[in-house]
Amino acid sequence: CPAELYDYQYLAAAAHINPNNIDGL
């Protein structure tokens, strides 16, 4: 539950989690 008005921007960071960027999480 994003609490603040602009918290959706933090959730957008997860869109960059992919095999092209990282090898493990």
mmCIF file of all heavy atoms, coordinates in Angstrom:
data_MODEL
# 
_entry.id   MODEL 
# 
loop_
_atom_site.group_PDB 
_atom_site.id 
_atom_site.type_symbol 
_atom_site.label_atom_id 
_atom_site.label_alt_id 
_atom_site.label_comp_id 
_atom_site.label_asym_id 
_atom_site.label_entity_id 
_atom_site.label_seq_id 
_atom_site.pdbx_PDB_ins_code 
_atom_site.Cartn_x 
_atom_site.Cartn_y 
_atom_site.Cartn_z 
_atom_site.occupancy 
_atom_site.B_iso_or_equiv 
_atom_site.pdbx_formal_charge 
_atom_site.auth_seq_id 
_atom_site.auth_comp_id 
_atom_site.auth_asym_id 
_atom_site.auth_atom_id 
_atom_site.pdbx_PDB_model_num 
ATOM 1   N N   . CYS A 1 1  ? 0.830  -1.202  0.000   1.00 0.00 ? 1  CYS A N   1 
ATOM 2   C CA  . CYS A 1 1  ? 0.000  0.000   0.000   1.00 0.00 ? 1  CYS A CA  1 
ATOM 3   C C   . CYS A 1 1  ? 0.866  1.254   0.000   1.00 0.00 ? 1  CYS A C   1 
ATOM 4   O O   . CYS A 1 1  ? 1.286  1.719   1.051   1.00 0.00 ? 1  CYS A O   1 
ATOM 5   C CB  . CYS A 1 1  ? -0.942 0.004   1.184   1.00 0.00 ? 1  CYS A CB  1 
ATOM 6   S SG  . CYS A 1 1  ? -0.131 -0.200  2.779   1.00 0.00 ? 1  CYS A SG  1 
ATOM 7   N N   . PRO A 1 2  ? 1.134  1.792   -1.169  1.00 0.00 ? 2  PRO A N   1 
ATOM 8   C CA  . PRO A 1 2  ? 1.868  3.048   -1.204  1.00 0.00 ? 2  PRO A CA  1 
ATOM 9   C C   . PRO A 1 2  ? 1.122  4.105   -0.388  1.00 0.00 ? 2  PRO A C   1 
ATOM 10  O O   . PRO A 1 2  ? -0.067 4.323   -0.597  1.00 0.00 ? 2  PRO A O   1 
ATOM 11  C CB  . PRO A 1 2  ? 1.893  3.407   -2.686  1.00 0.00 ? 2  PRO A CB  1 
ATOM 12  C CG  . PRO A 1 2  ? 1.655  2.126   -3.406  1.00 0.00 ? 2  PRO A CG  1 
ATOM 13  C CD  . PRO A 1 2  ? 0.803  1.295   -2.492  1.00 0.00 ? 2  PRO A CD  1 
ATOM 14  N N   . ALA A 1 3  ? 1.817  4.721   0.555   1.00 0.00 ? 3  ALA A N   1 
ATOM 15  C CA  . ALA A 1 3  ? 1.167  5.627   1.504   1.00 0.00 ? 3  ALA A CA  1 
ATOM 16  C C   . ALA A 1 3  ? 1.170  7.074   1.050   1.00 0.00 ? 3  ALA A C   1 
ATOM 17  O O   . ALA A 1 3  ? 0.266  7.824   1.368   1.00 0.00 ? 3  ALA A O   1 
ATOM 18  C CB  . ALA A 1 3  ? 1.849  5.509   2.864   1.00 0.00 ? 3  ALA A CB  1 
ATOM 19  N N   . GLU A 1 4  ? 2.166  7.460   0.344   1.00 0.00 ? 4  GLU A N   1 
ATOM 20  C CA  . GLU A 1 4  ? 2.303  8.851   -0.046  1.00 0.00 ? 4  GLU A CA  1 
ATOM 21  C C   . GLU A 1 4  ? 1.926  9.043   -1.506  1.00 0.00 ? 4  GLU A C   1 
ATOM 22  O O   . GLU A 1 4  ? 1.954  8.108   -2.301  1.00 0.00 ? 4  GLU A O   1 
ATOM 23  C CB  . GLU A 1 4  ? 3.746  9.320   0.189   1.00 0.00 ? 4  GLU A CB  1 
ATOM 24  C CG  . GLU A 1 4  ? 4.224  9.180   1.626   1.00 0.00 ? 4  GLU A CG  1 
ATOM 25  C CD  . GLU A 1 4  ? 3.495  10.087  2.582   1.00 0.00 ? 4  GLU A CD  1 
ATOM 26  O OE1 . GLU A 1 4  ? 3.127  11.213  2.177   1.00 0.00 ? 4  GLU A OE1 1 
ATOM 27  O OE2 . GLU A 1 4  ? 3.285  9.683   3.725   1.00 0.00 ? 4  GLU A OE2 1 
ATOM 28  N N   . LEU A 1 5  ? 1.636  10.250  -1.860  1.00 0.00 ? 5  LEU A N   1 
ATOM 29  C CA  . LEU A 1 5  ? 1.201  10.583  -3.207  1.00 0.00 ? 5  LEU A CA  1 
ATOM 30  C C   . LEU A 1 5  ? 2.171  10.107  -4.278  1.00 0.00 ? 5  LEU A C   1 
ATOM 31  O O   . LEU A 1 5  ? 1.763  9.618   -5.318  1.00 0.00 ? 5  LEU A O   1 
ATOM 32  C CB  . LEU A 1 5  ? 1.005  12.104  -3.312  1.00 0.00 ? 5  LEU A CB  1 
ATOM 33  C CG  . LEU A 1 5  ? 0.565  12.656  -4.662  1.00 0.00 ? 5  LEU A CG  1 
ATOM 34  C CD1 . LEU A 1 5  ? -0.784 12.066  -5.072  1.00 0.00 ? 5  LEU A CD1 1 
ATOM 35  C CD2 . LEU A 1 5  ? 0.484  14.164  -4.603  1.00 0.00 ? 5  LEU A CD2 1 
ATOM 36  N N   . TYR A 1 6  ? 3.465  10.209  -4.029  1.00 0.00 ? 6  TYR A N   1 
ATOM 37  C CA  . TYR A 1 6  ? 4.447  9.871   -5.052  1.00 0.00 ? 6  TYR A CA  1 
ATOM 38  C C   . TYR A 1 6  ? 5.139  8.532   -4.812  1.00 0.00 ? 6  TYR A C   1 
ATOM 39  O O   . TYR A 1 6  ? 6.141  8.242   -5.441  1.00 0.00 ? 6  TYR A O   1 
ATOM 40  C CB  . TYR A 1 6  ? 5.482  10.994  -5.177  1.00 0.00 ? 6  TYR A CB  1 
ATOM 41  C CG  . TYR A 1 6  ? 4.847  12.285  -5.615  1.00 0.00 ? 6  TYR A CG  1 
ATOM 42  C CD1 . TYR A 1 6  ? 4.632  13.318  -4.722  1.00 0.00 ? 6  TYR A CD1 1 
ATOM 43  C CD2 . TYR A 1 6  ? 4.421  12.439  -6.930  1.00 0.00 ? 6  TYR A CD2 1 
ATOM 44  C CE1 . TYR A 1 6  ? 4.021  14.495  -5.126  1.00 0.00 ? 6  TYR A CE1 1 
ATOM 45  C CE2 . TYR A 1 6  ? 3.806  13.605  -7.350  1.00 0.00 ? 6  TYR A CE2 1 
ATOM 46  C CZ  . TYR A 1 6  ? 3.613  14.635  -6.439  1.00 0.00 ? 6  TYR A CZ  1 
ATOM 47  O OH  . TYR A 1 6  ? 2.997  15.786  -6.837  1.00 0.00 ? 6  TYR A OH  1 
ATOM 48  N N   . ASP A 1 7  ? 4.597  7.688   -3.937  1.00 0.00 ? 7  ASP A N   1 
ATOM 49  C CA  . ASP A 1 7  ? 5.199  6.381   -3.685  1.00 0.00 ? 7  ASP A CA  1 
ATOM 50  C C   . ASP A 1 7  ? 5.188  5.485   -4.914  1.00 0.00 ? 7  ASP A C   1 
ATOM 51  O O   . ASP A 1 7  ? 5.986  4.573   -5.022  1.00 0.00 ? 7  ASP A O   1 
ATOM 52  C CB  . ASP A 1 7  ? 4.501  5.663   -2.528  1.00 0.00 ? 7  ASP A CB  1 
ATOM 53  C CG  . ASP A 1 7  ? 5.029  6.096   -1.172  1.00 0.00 ? 7  ASP A CG  1 
ATOM 54  O OD1 . ASP A 1 7  ? 5.942  6.944   -1.134  1.00 0.00 ? 7  ASP A OD1 1 
ATOM 55  O OD2 . ASP A 1 7  ? 4.535  5.579   -0.165  1.00 0.00 ? 7  ASP A OD2 1 
ATOM 56  N N   . TYR A 1 8  ? 4.285  5.724   -5.856  1.00 0.00 ? 8  TYR A N   1 
ATOM 57  C CA  . TYR A 1 8  ? 4.255  4.904   -7.064  1.00 0.00 ? 8  TYR A CA  1 
ATOM 58  C C   . TYR A 1 8  ? 5.588  4.979   -7.805  1.00 0.00 ? 8  TYR A C   1 
ATOM 59  O O   . TYR A 1 8  ? 5.973  4.050   -8.498  1.00 0.00 ? 8  TYR A O   1 
ATOM 60  C CB  . TYR A 1 8  ? 3.113  5.330   -7.991  1.00 0.00 ? 8  TYR A CB  1 
ATOM 61  C CG  . TYR A 1 8  ? 3.351  6.658   -8.684  1.00 0.00 ? 8  TYR A CG  1 
ATOM 62  C CD1 . TYR A 1 8  ? 3.985  6.707   -9.921  1.00 0.00 ? 8  TYR A CD1 1 
ATOM 63  C CD2 . TYR A 1 8  ? 2.956  7.853   -8.086  1.00 0.00 ? 8  TYR A CD2 1 
ATOM 64  C CE1 . TYR A 1 8  ? 4.219  7.923   -10.549 1.00 0.00 ? 8  TYR A CE1 1 
ATOM 65  C CE2 . TYR A 1 8  ? 3.186  9.061   -8.711  1.00 0.00 ? 8  TYR A CE2 1 
ATOM 66  C CZ  . TYR A 1 8  ? 3.821  9.098   -9.934  1.00 0.00 ? 8  TYR A CZ  1 
ATOM 67  O OH  . TYR A 1 8  ? 4.055  10.300  -10.547 1.00 0.00 ? 8  TYR A OH  1 
ATOM 68  N N   . GLN A 1 9  ? 6.326  6.078   -7.629  1.00 0.00 ? 9  GLN A N   1 
ATOM 69  C CA  . GLN A 1 9  ? 7.626  6.204   -8.282  1.00 0.00 ? 9  GLN A CA  1 
ATOM 70  C C   . GLN A 1 9  ? 8.624  5.201   -7.711  1.00 0.00 ? 9  GLN A C   1 
ATOM 71  O O   . GLN A 1 9  ? 9.478  4.704   -8.429  1.00 0.00 ? 9  GLN A O   1 
ATOM 72  C CB  . GLN A 1 9  ? 8.158  7.632   -8.140  1.00 0.00 ? 9  GLN A CB  1 
ATOM 73  C CG  . GLN A 1 9  ? 7.290  8.632   -8.871  1.00 0.00 ? 9  GLN A CG  1 
ATOM 74  C CD  . GLN A 1 9  ? 7.686  10.059  -8.581  1.00 0.00 ? 9  GLN A CD  1 
ATOM 75  O OE1 . GLN A 1 9  ? 8.325  10.358  -7.591  1.00 0.00 ? 9  GLN A OE1 1 
ATOM 76  N NE2 . GLN A 1 9  ? 7.291  10.954  -9.471  1.00 0.00 ? 9  GLN A NE2 1 
ATOM 77  N N   . TYR A 1 10 ? 8.495  4.907   -6.421  1.00 0.00 ? 10 TYR A N   1 
ATOM 78  C CA  . TYR A 1 10 ? 9.362  3.893   -5.826  1.00 0.00 ? 10 TYR A CA  1 
ATOM 79  C C   . TYR A 1 10 ? 9.013  2.516   -6.365  1.00 0.00 ? 10 TYR A C   1 
ATOM 80  O O   . TYR A 1 10 ? 9.882  1.704   -6.648  1.00 0.00 ? 10 TYR A O   1 
ATOM 81  C CB  . TYR A 1 10 ? 9.247  3.914   -4.299  1.00 0.00 ? 10 TYR A CB  1 
ATOM 82  C CG  . TYR A 1 10 ? 9.924  5.095   -3.675  1.00 0.00 ? 10 TYR A CG  1 
ATOM 83  C CD1 . TYR A 1 10 ? 9.224  6.269   -3.408  1.00 0.00 ? 10 TYR A CD1 1 
ATOM 84  C CD2 . TYR A 1 10 ? 11.278 5.057   -3.369  1.00 0.00 ? 10 TYR A CD2 1 
ATOM 85  C CE1 . TYR A 1 10 ? 9.851  7.360   -2.842  1.00 0.00 ? 10 TYR A CE1 1 
ATOM 86  C CE2 . TYR A 1 10 ? 11.917 6.140   -2.806  1.00 0.00 ? 10 TYR A CE2 1 
ATOM 87  C CZ  . TYR A 1 10 ? 11.195 7.292   -2.549  1.00 0.00 ? 10 TYR A CZ  1 
ATOM 88  O OH  . TYR A 1 10 ? 11.830 8.359   -2.002  1.00 0.00 ? 10 TYR A OH  1 
ATOM 89  N N   . LEU A 1 11 ? 7.723  2.233   -6.500  1.00 0.00 ? 11 LEU A N   1 
ATOM 90  C CA  . LEU A 1 11 ? 7.313  0.937   -7.041  1.00 0.00 ? 11 LEU A CA  1 
ATOM 91  C C   . LEU A 1 11 ? 7.804  0.768   -8.469  1.00 0.00 ? 11 LEU A C   1 
ATOM 92  O O   . LEU A 1 11 ? 8.087  -0.337  -8.916  1.00 0.00 ? 11 LEU A O   1 
ATOM 93  C CB  . LEU A 1 11 ? 5.791  0.789   -6.977  1.00 0.00 ? 11 LEU A CB  1 
ATOM 94  C CG  . LEU A 1 11 ? 5.193  0.687   -5.580  1.00 0.00 ? 11 LEU A CG  1 
ATOM 95  C CD1 . LEU A 1 11 ? 3.669  0.668   -5.658  1.00 0.00 ? 11 LEU A CD1 1 
ATOM 96  C CD2 . LEU A 1 11 ? 5.702  -0.539  -4.854  1.00 0.00 ? 11 LEU A CD2 1 
ATOM 97  N N   . ALA A 1 12 ? 7.927  1.858   -9.194  1.00 0.00 ? 12 ALA A N   1 
ATOM 98  C CA  . ALA A 1 12 ? 8.416  1.791   -10.570 1.00 0.00 ? 12 ALA A CA  1 
ATOM 99  C C   . ALA A 1 12 ? 9.854  1.292   -10.629 1.00 0.00 ? 12 ALA A C   1 
ATOM 100 O O   . ALA A 1 12 ? 10.278 0.743   -11.650 1.00 0.00 ? 12 ALA A O   1 
ATOM 101 C CB  . ALA A 1 12 ? 8.301  3.162   -11.232 1.00 0.00 ? 12 ALA A CB  1 
ATOM 102 N N   . ALA A 1 13 ? 10.613 1.457   -9.544  1.00 0.00 ? 13 ALA A N   1 
ATOM 103 C CA  . ALA A 1 13 ? 11.996 0.956   -9.517  1.00 0.00 ? 13 ALA A CA  1 
ATOM 104 C C   . ALA A 1 13 ? 12.024 -0.550  -9.744  1.00 0.00 ? 13 ALA A C   1 
ATOM 105 O O   . ALA A 1 13 ? 12.963 -1.078  -10.341 1.00 0.00 ? 13 ALA A O   1 
ATOM 106 C CB  . ALA A 1 13 ? 12.660 1.303   -8.183  1.00 0.00 ? 13 ALA A CB  1 
ATOM 107 N N   . ALA A 1 14 ? 10.992 -1.248  -9.293  1.00 0.00 ? 14 ALA A N   1 
ATOM 108 C CA  . ALA A 1 14 ? 10.941 -2.703  -9.452  1.00 0.00 ? 14 ALA A CA  1 
ATOM 109 C C   . ALA A 1 14 ? 10.854 -3.110  -10.916 1.00 0.00 ? 14 ALA A C   1 
ATOM 110 O O   . ALA A 1 14 ? 11.236 -4.225  -11.273 1.00 0.00 ? 14 ALA A O   1 
ATOM 111 C CB  . ALA A 1 14 ? 9.765  -3.283  -8.675  1.00 0.00 ? 14 ALA A CB  1 
ATOM 112 N N   . ALA A 1 15 ? 10.394 -2.223  -11.775 1.00 0.00 ? 15 ALA A N   1 
ATOM 113 C CA  . ALA A 1 15 ? 10.311 -2.535  -13.206 1.00 0.00 ? 15 ALA A CA  1 
ATOM 114 C C   . ALA A 1 15 ? 11.697 -2.722  -13.819 1.00 0.00 ? 15 ALA A C   1 
ATOM 115 O O   . ALA A 1 15 ? 11.826 -3.300  -14.891 1.00 0.00 ? 15 ALA A O   1 
ATOM 116 C CB  . ALA A 1 15 ? 9.558  -1.428  -13.936 1.00 0.00 ? 15 ALA A CB  1 
ATOM 117 N N   . HIS A 1 16 ? 12.721 -2.241  -13.138 1.00 0.00 ? 16 HIS A N   1 
ATOM 118 C CA  . HIS A 1 16 ? 14.090 -2.379  -13.635 1.00 0.00 ? 16 HIS A CA  1 
ATOM 119 C C   . HIS A 1 16 ? 14.766 -3.662  -13.160 1.00 0.00 ? 16 HIS A C   1 
ATOM 120 O O   . HIS A 1 16 ? 15.928 -3.894  -13.460 1.00 0.00 ? 16 HIS A O   1 
ATOM 121 C CB  . HIS A 1 16 ? 14.919 -1.157  -13.238 1.00 0.00 ? 16 HIS A CB  1 
ATOM 122 C CG  . HIS A 1 16 ? 14.402 0.101   -13.859 1.00 0.00 ? 16 HIS A CG  1 
ATOM 123 N ND1 . HIS A 1 16 ? 14.643 0.429   -15.170 1.00 0.00 ? 16 HIS A ND1 1 
ATOM 124 C CD2 . HIS A 1 16 ? 13.625 1.078   -13.356 1.00 0.00 ? 16 HIS A CD2 1 
ATOM 125 C CE1 . HIS A 1 16 ? 14.047 1.571   -15.444 1.00 0.00 ? 16 HIS A CE1 1 
ATOM 126 N NE2 . HIS A 1 16 ? 13.416 1.981   -14.370 1.00 0.00 ? 16 HIS A NE2 1 
ATOM 127 N N   . ILE A 1 17 ? 14.033 -4.467  -12.417 1.00 0.00 ? 17 ILE A N   1 
ATOM 128 C CA  . ILE A 1 17 ? 14.562 -5.753  -11.969 1.00 0.00 ? 17 ILE A CA  1 
ATOM 129 C C   . ILE A 1 17 ? 14.279 -6.772  -13.067 1.00 0.00 ? 17 ILE A C   1 
ATOM 130 O O   . ILE A 1 17 ? 13.150 -7.228  -13.236 1.00 0.00 ? 17 ILE A O   1 
ATOM 131 C CB  . ILE A 1 17 ? 13.927 -6.192  -10.635 1.00 0.00 ? 17 ILE A CB  1 
ATOM 132 C CG1 . ILE A 1 17 ? 14.211 -5.156  -9.558  1.00 0.00 ? 17 ILE A CG1 1 
ATOM 133 C CG2 . ILE A 1 17 ? 14.439 -7.570  -10.233 1.00 0.00 ? 17 ILE A CG2 1 
ATOM 134 C CD1 . ILE A 1 17 ? 13.470 -5.408  -8.255  1.00 0.00 ? 17 ILE A CD1 1 
ATOM 135 N N   . ASN A 1 18 ? 15.304 -7.073  -13.840 1.00 0.00 ? 18 ASN A N   1 
ATOM 136 C CA  . ASN A 1 18 ? 15.147 -8.034  -14.926 1.00 0.00 ? 18 ASN A CA  1 
ATOM 137 C C   . ASN A 1 18 ? 16.504 -8.669  -15.212 1.00 0.00 ? 18 ASN A C   1 
ATOM 138 O O   . ASN A 1 18 ? 17.539 -8.166  -14.771 1.00 0.00 ? 18 ASN A O   1 
ATOM 139 C CB  . ASN A 1 18 ? 14.531 -7.372  -16.161 1.00 0.00 ? 18 ASN A CB  1 
ATOM 140 C CG  . ASN A 1 18 ? 15.410 -6.312  -16.755 1.00 0.00 ? 18 ASN A CG  1 
ATOM 141 O OD1 . ASN A 1 18 ? 16.513 -6.596  -17.217 1.00 0.00 ? 18 ASN A OD1 1 
ATOM 142 N ND2 . ASN A 1 18 ? 14.934 -5.061  -16.748 1.00 0.00 ? 18 ASN A ND2 1 
ATOM 143 N N   . PRO A 1 19 ? 16.504 -9.781  -15.942 1.00 0.00 ? 19 PRO A N   1 
ATOM 144 C CA  . PRO A 1 19 ? 17.763 -10.508 -16.200 1.00 0.00 ? 19 PRO A CA  1 
ATOM 145 C C   . PRO A 1 19 ? 18.804 -9.706  -16.975 1.00 0.00 ? 19 PRO A C   1 
ATOM 146 O O   . PRO A 1 19 ? 19.969 -10.062 -16.978 1.00 0.00 ? 19 PRO A O   1 
ATOM 147 C CB  . PRO A 1 19 ? 17.320 -11.731 -17.005 1.00 0.00 ? 19 PRO A CB  1 
ATOM 148 C CG  . PRO A 1 19 ? 15.873 -11.883 -16.730 1.00 0.00 ? 19 PRO A CG  1 
ATOM 149 C CD  . PRO A 1 19 ? 15.350 -10.505 -16.471 1.00 0.00 ? 19 PRO A CD  1 
ATOM 150 N N   . ASN A 1 20 ? 18.406 -8.624  -17.610 1.00 0.00 ? 20 ASN A N   1 
ATOM 151 C CA  . ASN A 1 20 ? 19.376 -7.782  -18.310 1.00 0.00 ? 20 ASN A CA  1 
ATOM 152 C C   . ASN A 1 20 ? 20.177 -6.916  -17.348 1.00 0.00 ? 20 ASN A C   1 
ATOM 153 O O   . ASN A 1 20 ? 21.252 -6.427  -17.704 1.00 0.00 ? 20 ASN A O   1 
ATOM 154 C CB  . ASN A 1 20 ? 18.677 -6.879  -19.331 1.00 0.00 ? 20 ASN A CB  1 
ATOM 155 C CG  . ASN A 1 20 ? 18.008 -7.674  -20.419 1.00 0.00 ? 20 ASN A CG  1 
ATOM 156 O OD1 . ASN A 1 20 ? 18.554 -8.666  -20.900 1.00 0.00 ? 20 ASN A OD1 1 
ATOM 157 N ND2 . ASN A 1 20 ? 16.816 -7.264  -20.805 1.00 0.00 ? 20 ASN A ND2 1 
ATOM 158 N N   . ASN A 1 21 ? 19.635 -6.696  -16.152 1.00 0.00 ? 21 ASN A N   1 
ATOM 159 C CA  . ASN A 1 21 ? 20.273 -5.798  -15.187 1.00 0.00 ? 21 ASN A CA  1 
ATOM 160 C C   . ASN A 1 21 ? 20.935 -6.511  -14.011 1.00 0.00 ? 21 ASN A C   1 
ATOM 161 O O   . ASN A 1 21 ? 21.901 -6.003  -13.461 1.00 0.00 ? 21 ASN A O   1 
ATOM 162 C CB  . ASN A 1 21 ? 19.253 -4.792  -14.640 1.00 0.00 ? 21 ASN A CB  1 
ATOM 163 C CG  . ASN A 1 21 ? 18.718 -3.880  -15.705 1.00 0.00 ? 21 ASN A CG  1 
ATOM 164 O OD1 . ASN A 1 21 ? 19.425 -3.548  -16.650 1.00 0.00 ? 21 ASN A OD1 1 
ATOM 165 N ND2 . ASN A 1 21 ? 17.472 -3.465  -15.575 1.00 0.00 ? 21 ASN A ND2 1 
ATOM 166 N N   . ILE A 1 22 ? 20.371 -7.629  -13.581 1.00 0.00 ? 22 ILE A N   1 
ATOM 167 C CA  . ILE A 1 22 ? 20.914 -8.336  -12.411 1.00 0.00 ? 22 ILE A CA  1 
ATOM 168 C C   . ILE A 1 22 ? 20.959 -9.837  -12.651 1.00 0.00 ? 22 ILE A C   1 
ATOM 169 O O   . ILE A 1 22 ? 20.208 -10.370 -13.469 1.00 0.00 ? 22 ILE A O   1 
ATOM 170 C CB  . ILE A 1 22 ? 20.118 -8.026  -11.123 1.00 0.00 ? 22 ILE A CB  1 
ATOM 171 C CG1 . ILE A 1 22 ? 18.673 -8.502  -11.228 1.00 0.00 ? 22 ILE A CG1 1 
ATOM 172 C CG2 . ILE A 1 22 ? 20.191 -6.546  -10.773 1.00 0.00 ? 22 ILE A CG2 1 
ATOM 173 C CD1 . ILE A 1 22 ? 17.903 -8.403  -9.929  1.00 0.00 ? 22 ILE A CD1 1 
ATOM 174 N N   . ASP A 1 23 ? 21.838 -10.482 -11.898 1.00 0.00 ? 23 ASP A N   1 
ATOM 175 C CA  . ASP A 1 23 ? 21.997 -11.939 -11.995 1.00 0.00 ? 23 ASP A CA  1 
ATOM 176 C C   . ASP A 1 23 ? 21.312 -12.670 -10.855 1.00 0.00 ? 23 ASP A C   1 
ATOM 177 O O   . ASP A 1 23 ? 21.090 -13.877 -10.934 1.00 0.00 ? 23 ASP A O   1 
ATOM 178 C CB  . ASP A 1 23 ? 23.490 -12.285 -12.012 1.00 0.00 ? 23 ASP A CB  1 
ATOM 179 C CG  . ASP A 1 23 ? 24.183 -11.653 -13.194 1.00 0.00 ? 23 ASP A CG  1 
ATOM 180 O OD1 . ASP A 1 23 ? 23.896 -12.064 -14.335 1.00 0.00 ? 23 ASP A OD1 1 
ATOM 181 O OD2 . ASP A 1 23 ? 24.992 -10.727 -12.985 1.00 0.00 ? 23 ASP A OD2 1 
ATOM 182 N N   . GLY A 1 24 ? 21.000 -11.967 -9.785  1.00 0.00 ? 24 GLY A N   1 
ATOM 183 C CA  . GLY A 1 24 ? 20.335 -12.547 -8.631  1.00 0.00 ? 24 GLY A CA  1 
ATOM 184 C C   . GLY A 1 24 ? 19.745 -11.429 -7.796  1.00 0.00 ? 24 GLY A C   1 
ATOM 185 O O   . GLY A 1 24 ? 20.189 -10.277 -7.877  1.00 0.00 ? 24 GLY A O   1 
ATOM 186 N N   . LEU A 1 25 ? 18.724 -11.758 -6.995  1.00 0.00 ? 25 LEU A N   1 
ATOM 187 C CA  . LEU A 1 25 ? 18.021 -10.744 -6.210  1.00 0.00 ? 25 LEU A CA  1 
ATOM 188 C C   . LEU A 1 25 ? 17.872 -11.190 -4.765  1.00 0.00 ? 25 LEU A C   1 
ATOM 189 O O   . LEU A 1 25 ? 17.417 -12.303 -4.503  1.00 0.00 ? 25 LEU A O   1 
ATOM 190 C CB  . LEU A 1 25 ? 16.640 -10.477 -6.815  1.00 0.00 ? 25 LEU A CB  1 
ATOM 191 C CG  . LEU A 1 25 ? 15.751 -9.455  -6.105  1.00 0.00 ? 25 LEU A CG  1 
ATOM 192 C CD1 . LEU A 1 25 ? 16.364 -8.052  -6.219  1.00 0.00 ? 25 LEU A CD1 1 
ATOM 193 C CD2 . LEU A 1 25 ? 14.348 -9.465  -6.710  1.00 0.00 ? 25 LEU A CD2 1 
# 
